[in-house]
Amino acid sequence: AFSLFWTAAPLALVAPPFSYGTVEIAAFMLSGVGGAFVAPFAGRLADHGWTKPATAGAFAVVAASFVLAWIGGYGAIAVLVAAGILLDAGVHTNVVLGQRAIYMLHAGVRSRLNALYLAIFFCGGAVGSALAGVSFAHGGWPLVCAIGLIFPALGGLLFLTEKRVS
């Protein structure tokens, strides 16, 4: 979802109703940095035993960001900026929580699982980037947002299947 959004956003911003140039697009892309500031907060949530609710919240925030992005795509740049910040916040929260869970494991397994975790993360990013151009070409920004909404929905459903550990 992350790569899908950030790959397709410049395509949407160069087209009407925005018709932005490179400077405006670059300024918009900088808005995503705001989401990175949630990492310490996400770490504190995990340290206090709130990993499961925070993970569910991260999925919900990413899904909500695509709803906002859909709305913002009709010319509301402030809404689109908010969507980008929320998307980054949700994704960063999920990454921090996932890596914390991995680092809580035995040292013998930790490095292999972290490598697998990051490899899957980057493969997902490649899929998202590849889908961005194709979906934008075939259905514009609304299709990009619909596909982006599917990713956290599926992730959230998969998350709900996890067994509760006491």
Protein backbone atom coordinates (compact mmCIF):
# COMPACT_ATOMS: atom_id res chain seq x y z
CA ALA A 1 0.00 0.00 0.00
CA PHE A 2 2.85 2.36 0.89
CA SER A 3 4.68 2.00 -2.43
CA LEU A 4 1.44 1.98 -4.38
CA PHE A 5 0.47 5.37 -2.95
CA TRP A 6 3.87 7.06 -3.23
CA THR A 7 4.46 5.76 -6.76
CA ALA A 8 1.04 6.79 -8.07
CA ALA A 9 0.78 10.13 -6.24
CA PRO A 10 3.05 12.01 -8.68
CA LEU A 11 0.99 10.61 -11.57
CA ALA A 12 -2.16 12.00 -9.98
CA LEU A 13 -0.58 15.33 -9.13
CA VAL A 14 0.71 15.99 -12.63
CA ALA A 15 -2.77 15.42 -14.08
CA PRO A 16 -5.91 17.57 -13.64
CA PRO A 17 -7.36 18.75 -11.31
CA PHE A 18 -3.92 19.46 -9.81
CA SER A 19 -1.67 19.88 -12.89
CA TYR A 20 1.34 20.38 -10.62
CA GLY A 21 4.90 20.83 -11.75
CA THR A 22 7.97 19.18 -10.29
CA VAL A 23 8.42 21.67 -7.43
CA GLU A 24 4.85 21.25 -6.19
CA ILE A 25 5.08 17.47 -6.49
CA ALA A 26 8.37 17.42 -4.58
CA ALA A 27 6.83 19.56 -1.83
CA PHE A 28 3.91 17.16 -1.60
CA MET A 29 6.23 14.16 -1.40
CA LEU A 30 7.99 15.75 1.59
CA SER A 31 4.71 15.57 3.50
CA GLY A 32 5.25 11.85 3.92
CA VAL A 33 8.12 12.50 6.29
CA GLY A 34 5.61 13.48 8.96
CA GLY A 35 4.49 9.89 9.39
CA ALA A 36 7.96 8.80 10.48
CA PHE A 37 7.60 10.69 13.75
CA VAL A 38 5.28 8.00 15.12
CA ALA A 39 8.08 5.44 15.50
CA PRO A 40 8.95 6.30 19.13
CA PHE A 41 5.26 6.39 20.04
CA ALA A 42 4.72 2.97 18.40
CA GLY A 43 7.69 1.58 20.30
CA ARG A 44 6.28 2.83 23.60
CA LEU A 45 2.90 1.24 22.82
CA ALA A 46 4.63 -2.09 22.20
CA ASP A 47 6.72 -1.74 25.36
CA HIS A 48 3.52 -1.29 27.36
CA GLY A 49 1.95 -4.46 25.93
CA TRP A 50 -0.30 -2.79 23.36
CA THR A 51 1.17 -4.48 20.29
CA LYS A 52 -2.04 -6.22 19.17
CA PRO A 53 -4.35 -3.20 19.48
CA ALA A 54 -1.70 -0.92 17.96
CA THR A 55 -1.31 -3.30 15.01
CA ALA A 56 -5.07 -3.31 14.45
CA GLY A 57 -5.01 0.47 14.71
CA ALA A 58 -2.19 0.70 12.17
CA PHE A 59 -4.21 -1.34 9.66
CA ALA A 60 -7.23 0.90 10.27
CA VAL A 61 -5.16 4.08 9.81
CA VAL A 62 -3.72 2.82 6.51
CA ALA A 63 -7.21 1.91 5.29
CA ALA A 64 -8.56 5.32 6.35
CA SER A 65 -5.67 7.02 4.56
CA PHE A 66 -6.81 5.52 1.26
CA VAL A 67 -10.36 6.72 1.83
CA LEU A 68 -8.96 10.21 2.41
CA ALA A 69 -6.69 9.86 -0.62
CA TRP A 70 -9.69 8.97 -2.74
CA ILE A 71 -11.49 12.11 -1.57
CA GLY A 72 -8.37 14.27 -1.89
CA GLY A 73 -7.82 13.08 -5.43
CA TYR A 74 -10.70 15.28 -6.57
CA GLY A 75 -8.68 18.43 -5.95
CA ALA A 76 -8.35 18.71 -2.18
CA ILE A 77 -4.58 18.81 -1.72
CA ALA A 78 -4.80 19.27 2.07
CA VAL A 79 -6.80 16.05 2.32
CA LEU A 80 -4.27 14.30 0.09
CA VAL A 81 -1.42 15.55 2.30
CA ALA A 82 -3.27 14.26 5.39
CA ALA A 83 -3.72 10.91 3.64
CA GLY A 84 0.02 10.69 2.95
CA ILE A 85 0.91 11.51 6.54
CA LEU A 86 -1.60 8.99 7.91
CA LEU A 87 -0.43 6.31 5.49
CA ASP A 88 3.17 6.77 6.57
CA ALA A 89 2.18 6.83 10.24
CA GLY A 90 0.25 3.56 9.91
CA VAL A 91 2.96 1.80 7.93
CA HIS A 92 5.76 3.00 10.24
CA THR A 93 3.78 1.91 13.27
CA ASN A 94 3.28 -1.54 11.79
CA VAL A 95 6.98 -1.88 10.89
CA VAL A 96 8.12 -0.83 14.37
CA LEU A 97 5.69 -3.25 16.02
CA GLY A 98 6.71 -6.09 13.71
CA GLN A 99 10.42 -5.56 14.24
CA ARG A 100 9.97 -5.28 17.98
CA ALA A 101 8.19 -8.65 17.98
CA ILE A 102 11.08 -10.14 16.03
CA TYR A 103 13.72 -8.65 18.36
CA MET A 104 11.93 -10.17 21.36
CA LEU A 105 12.70 -13.66 20.00
CA HIS A 106 15.74 -15.82 20.71
CA ALA A 107 18.92 -14.44 19.11
CA GLY A 108 19.40 -17.57 16.99
CA VAL A 109 16.17 -16.96 15.10
CA ARG A 110 16.06 -13.21 15.19
CA SER A 111 18.39 -12.37 12.31
CA ARG A 112 16.83 -14.89 9.92
CA LEU A 113 13.30 -13.72 10.70
CA ASN A 114 14.26 -10.07 10.40
CA ALA A 115 15.84 -10.74 7.00
CA LEU A 116 12.70 -12.57 5.88
CA TYR A 117 10.48 -9.80 7.29
CA LEU A 118 12.35 -7.09 5.39
CA ALA A 119 12.56 -9.17 2.20
CA ILE A 120 8.78 -9.63 2.24
CA PHE A 121 8.35 -5.93 2.99
CA PHE A 122 10.46 -4.96 -0.04
CA CYS A 123 8.77 -7.54 -2.30
CA GLY A 124 5.43 -6.06 -1.28
CA GLY A 125 6.80 -2.63 -2.11
CA ALA A 126 7.82 -3.81 -5.56
CA VAL A 127 4.34 -5.24 -6.15
CA GLY A 128 2.77 -1.98 -4.98
CA SER A 129 4.98 0.09 -7.28
CA ALA A 130 4.24 -2.17 -10.23
CA LEU A 131 0.51 -1.98 -9.57
CA ALA A 132 0.62 1.80 -9.27
CA GLY A 133 1.37 2.56 -12.89
CA VAL A 134 -0.92 -0.12 -14.30
CA SER A 135 -3.85 0.78 -12.05
CA PHE A 136 -3.44 4.51 -12.67
CA ALA A 137 -3.32 3.95 -16.43
CA HIS A 138 -6.48 1.82 -16.38
CA GLY A 139 -8.62 3.48 -13.73
CA GLY A 140 -6.88 6.63 -12.57
CA TRP A 141 -6.54 7.69 -8.96
CA PRO A 142 -9.82 6.07 -7.80
CA LEU A 143 -8.57 2.61 -8.88
CA VAL A 144 -5.23 3.22 -7.14
CA CYS A 145 -7.09 4.09 -3.94
CA ALA A 146 -9.40 1.09 -4.24
CA ILE A 147 -6.44 -1.26 -4.63
CA GLY A 148 -4.66 0.55 -1.79
CA LEU A 149 -7.67 -0.04 0.43
CA ILE A 150 -7.59 -3.77 -0.34
CA PHE A 151 -4.07 -4.21 1.09
CA PRO A 152 -4.79 -3.11 4.69
CA ALA A 153 -8.18 -4.82 4.55
CA LEU A 154 -6.55 -8.14 3.67
CA GLY A 155 -3.76 -7.57 6.18
CA GLY A 156 -6.30 -6.75 8.86
CA LEU A 157 -8.31 -9.88 8.09
CA LEU A 158 -5.16 -11.99 8.24
CA PHE A 159 -4.24 -10.30 11.52
CA LEU A 160 -7.64 -11.26 12.96
CA THR A 161 -6.84 -14.94 12.37
CA GLU A 162 -3.90 -14.87 14.79
CA LYS A 163 -4.28 -16.86 17.96
CA ARG A 164 -4.16 -14.88 21.16
CA VAL A 165 -1.05 -15.65 23.20
CA SER A 166 -1.40 -15.34 26.96
